[in-house]
């Protein structure tokens, strides 16, 4: 009887063992792949660089001090002749020099009449054209305000009469000596180009 019980237990145990699925040896826990750490976004170049300096602008109607670079006479001048002038003083915006004294400027004779008989004085007038600022032609005029249009309709063609400034002598030709000062004004807004 005891033998039968033992045998039955053994058979039961064997049947139970075969009914259970075979257990696999425990696997070590697998590491979950971590997402790569995103690099910090690069700072924009503008944030690192210093802010761009403001552009320097020379206003229209700014004073320009010129002087004649040649002698000029109503006796010999002919309409259409070029007149050579130079910048007498540095042209500045605040403390910044944008054109050094000695820069070339150009004018054009618009009317010339030599002195005649019976005490008729000579006549001479001119139109200011431009001042060379580096490679740029900065248009000029002879008065603070605009007075009339040029031939092309864009440049102001102001006739500068020399009589009112004491160069006209009764019965004689107008004689302007080299080095004589002449007040001029810018005829456009000029923006100083930035460094290249």
Protein backbone atom coordinates (compact mmCIF):
# COMPACT_ATOMS: atom_id res chain seq x y z
CA UNK A 1 0.00 0.00 0.00
CA UNK A 2 2.80 2.35 0.91
CA UNK A 3 4.67 1.27 -2.18
CA UNK A 4 1.68 2.10 -4.35
CA UNK A 5 1.40 5.57 -2.84
CA UNK A 6 5.06 6.33 -3.49
CA UNK A 7 4.80 5.08 -7.07
CA UNK A 8 1.70 7.19 -7.64
CA UNK A 9 3.46 10.27 -6.31
CA UNK A 10 6.40 9.67 -8.60
CA UNK A 11 4.19 9.23 -11.66
CA UNK A 12 2.27 12.34 -10.75
CA UNK A 13 5.50 14.30 -10.32
CA UNK A 14 6.81 13.12 -13.70
CA UNK A 15 3.56 13.99 -15.43
CA UNK A 16 3.54 17.42 -13.84
CA UNK A 17 7.14 18.01 -14.87
CA UNK A 18 6.43 17.14 -18.50
CA UNK A 19 3.33 19.32 -18.54
CA UNK A 20 5.28 22.47 -17.46
CA UNK A 21 7.13 24.28 -20.25
CA UNK A 22 10.84 24.04 -20.04
CA UNK A 23 12.17 27.02 -18.24
CA UNK A 24 15.04 28.88 -19.85
CA UNK A 25 17.87 30.06 -17.70
CA UNK A 26 17.27 33.64 -16.63
CA UNK A 27 18.68 36.19 -19.07
CA UNK A 28 20.54 39.27 -17.82
CA UNK A 29 18.43 42.36 -18.23
CA UNK A 30 19.10 44.06 -21.55
CA UNK A 31 20.04 47.72 -21.43
CA UNK A 32 17.65 49.99 -23.22
CA UNK A 33 19.56 52.09 -25.76
CA UNK A 34 19.54 55.67 -24.60
CA UNK A 35 18.85 58.33 -27.21
CA UNK A 36 21.96 60.38 -28.02
CA UNK A 37 22.17 63.61 -26.10
CA UNK A 38 21.41 66.46 -28.48
CA UNK A 39 24.19 69.00 -28.74
CA UNK A 40 23.31 72.47 -27.57
CA UNK A 41 22.25 74.61 -30.54
CA UNK A 42 25.06 76.79 -31.82
CA UNK A 43 24.71 80.45 -31.00
CA UNK A 44 23.83 82.53 -34.05
CA UNK A 45 26.83 84.36 -35.46
CA UNK A 46 25.05 87.69 -35.10
CA UNK A 47 24.66 87.17 -31.38
CA UNK A 48 28.39 86.65 -30.96
CA UNK A 49 29.50 89.45 -33.28
CA UNK A 50 29.28 93.02 -32.17
CA UNK A 51 26.35 94.93 -33.69
CA UNK A 52 27.02 96.55 -37.05
CA UNK A 53 27.90 100.23 -36.69
CA UNK A 54 25.38 102.73 -37.97
CA UNK A 55 26.09 104.08 -41.44
CA UNK A 56 27.40 107.63 -41.59
CA UNK A 57 25.26 109.95 -43.70
CA UNK A 58 26.12 113.41 -44.98
CA UNK A 59 22.95 115.45 -45.33
CA UNK A 60 21.98 117.30 -48.47
CA UNK A 61 22.88 120.99 -48.18
CA UNK A 62 25.96 120.36 -45.99
CA UNK A 63 28.71 122.98 -46.20
CA UNK A 64 31.70 122.22 -48.42
CA UNK A 65 34.63 124.67 -48.35
CA UNK A 66 36.37 124.85 -51.71
CA UNK A 67 39.09 126.99 -53.25
CA UNK A 68 40.06 127.63 -56.84
CA UNK A 69 42.96 125.49 -58.06
CA UNK A 70 43.60 127.81 -61.02
CA UNK A 71 43.35 131.43 -62.07
CA UNK A 72 40.13 132.32 -63.86
CA UNK A 73 39.32 135.41 -65.91
CA UNK A 74 36.29 136.61 -67.82
CA UNK A 75 38.77 137.70 -70.50
CA UNK A 76 39.87 134.16 -71.36
CA UNK A 77 37.17 131.82 -70.00
CA UNK A 78 34.81 130.20 -72.48
CA UNK A 79 31.39 128.72 -71.79
CA UNK A 80 31.73 124.98 -71.16
CA UNK A 81 35.29 125.20 -69.79
CA UNK A 82 36.00 123.00 -66.77
CA UNK A 83 37.13 124.80 -63.62
CA UNK A 84 39.45 123.01 -61.24
CA UNK A 85 38.78 123.43 -57.54
CA UNK A 86 40.03 121.66 -54.43
CA UNK A 87 38.56 120.92 -51.03
CA UNK A 88 39.92 123.58 -48.68
CA UNK A 89 39.12 121.82 -45.37
CA UNK A 90 38.47 118.20 -44.43
CA UNK A 91 34.85 117.20 -45.00
CA UNK A 92 33.57 115.60 -41.79
CA UNK A 93 30.54 113.92 -40.28
CA UNK A 94 30.97 114.60 -36.58
CA UNK A 95 34.61 113.73 -35.87
CA UNK A 96 34.91 111.33 -38.82
CA UNK A 97 36.76 112.65 -41.89
CA UNK A 98 35.06 111.38 -45.03
CA UNK A 99 37.09 113.43 -47.52
CA UNK A 100 40.49 115.02 -46.92
CA UNK A 101 41.44 118.57 -47.81
CA UNK A 102 42.97 118.74 -51.28
CA UNK A 103 40.40 116.44 -52.92
CA UNK A 104 39.50 117.48 -56.45
CA UNK A 105 36.27 119.32 -57.26
CA UNK A 106 35.00 120.46 -60.65
CA UNK A 107 32.89 123.31 -61.93
CA UNK A 108 31.87 124.46 -65.39
CA UNK A 109 31.83 127.94 -66.91
CA UNK A 110 28.22 128.71 -67.84
CA UNK A 111 28.65 132.32 -68.98
CA UNK A 112 31.62 134.50 -69.78
CA UNK A 113 31.88 137.96 -71.31
CA UNK A 114 35.02 140.04 -71.37
CA UNK A 115 35.05 143.68 -70.38
CA UNK A 116 33.99 145.98 -73.17
CA UNK A 117 34.25 149.59 -74.09
CA UNK A 118 32.40 152.36 -72.33
CA UNK A 119 33.08 150.87 -68.92
CA UNK A 120 31.13 147.66 -69.38
CA UNK A 121 32.53 145.16 -66.90
CA UNK A 122 33.30 141.58 -67.70
CA UNK A 123 30.85 138.86 -66.71
CA UNK A 124 31.61 135.39 -65.44
CA UNK A 125 29.45 132.69 -63.91
CA UNK A 126 29.85 129.02 -63.22
CA UNK A 127 28.01 125.91 -62.13
CA UNK A 128 29.43 123.61 -59.49
CA UNK A 129 29.50 119.98 -60.58
CA UNK A 130 30.98 117.54 -58.06
CA UNK A 131 33.58 116.72 -55.42
CA UNK A 132 35.54 113.48 -55.73
CA UNK A 133 35.09 111.46 -52.52
CA UNK A 134 37.23 108.40 -53.16
CA UNK A 135 35.84 106.96 -56.40
CA UNK A 136 32.45 108.64 -55.92
CA UNK A 137 31.30 111.94 -57.41
CA UNK A 138 29.42 113.90 -54.75
CA UNK A 139 27.21 116.47 -56.50
CA UNK A 140 27.59 120.09 -55.39
CA UNK A 141 25.64 123.31 -55.73
CA UNK A 142 26.31 126.93 -54.96
CA UNK A 143 23.55 127.66 -52.48
CA UNK A 144 22.04 126.08 -49.38
CA UNK A 145 18.65 125.64 -51.08
CA UNK A 146 17.89 124.28 -54.53
CA UNK A 147 17.33 126.81 -57.28
CA UNK A 148 16.37 125.27 -60.59
CA UNK A 149 17.05 122.09 -62.47
CA UNK A 150 20.11 121.09 -64.45
CA UNK A 151 20.18 120.06 -68.10
CA UNK A 152 19.48 116.42 -67.24
CA UNK A 153 16.72 117.40 -64.81
CA UNK A 154 18.47 115.66 -61.93
CA UNK A 155 21.38 117.88 -60.87
CA UNK A 156 20.76 121.39 -59.62
CA UNK A 157 22.39 123.86 -61.96
CA UNK A 158 22.95 126.95 -59.85
CA UNK A 159 24.81 129.77 -61.46
CA UNK A 160 27.33 131.31 -59.14
CA UNK A 161 27.78 135.00 -59.91
CA UNK A 162 31.04 136.41 -58.65
CA UNK A 163 30.02 140.05 -58.69
CA UNK A 164 28.31 140.04 -55.26
CA UNK A 165 31.43 138.76 -53.50
CA UNK A 166 33.57 141.70 -54.60
CA UNK A 167 35.39 140.22 -57.59
CA UNK A 168 33.64 142.43 -60.14
CA UNK A 169 35.39 145.70 -60.82
CA UNK A 170 33.71 148.39 -62.89
CA UNK A 171 35.02 148.48 -66.40
CA UNK A 172 37.37 145.54 -65.89
CA UNK A 173 37.41 141.82 -66.36
CA UNK A 174 36.61 139.54 -63.47
CA UNK A 175 39.82 138.03 -62.21
CA UNK A 176 39.79 135.12 -59.78
CA UNK A 177 43.14 134.07 -58.41
CA UNK A 178 44.16 130.54 -57.55
CA UNK A 179 43.44 129.88 -53.85
CA UNK A 180 40.33 132.11 -53.72
CA UNK A 181 37.81 130.46 -51.37
CA UNK A 182 34.36 129.42 -52.56
CA UNK A 183 31.45 128.20 -50.43
CA UNK A 184 29.60 125.18 -51.82
CA UNK A 185 26.95 122.76 -50.58
CA UNK A 186 26.18 119.11 -51.15
CA UNK A 187 23.43 118.52 -53.71
CA UNK A 188 22.54 115.01 -52.53
CA UNK A 189 22.53 112.77 -49.48
CA UNK A 190 25.81 110.87 -49.26
CA UNK A 191 26.03 107.60 -47.33
CA UNK A 192 29.59 106.68 -46.41
CA UNK A 193 30.25 103.14 -47.71
CA UNK A 194 31.19 100.59 -45.05
CA UNK A 195 34.44 98.62 -45.02
CA UNK A 196 34.69 95.97 -47.75
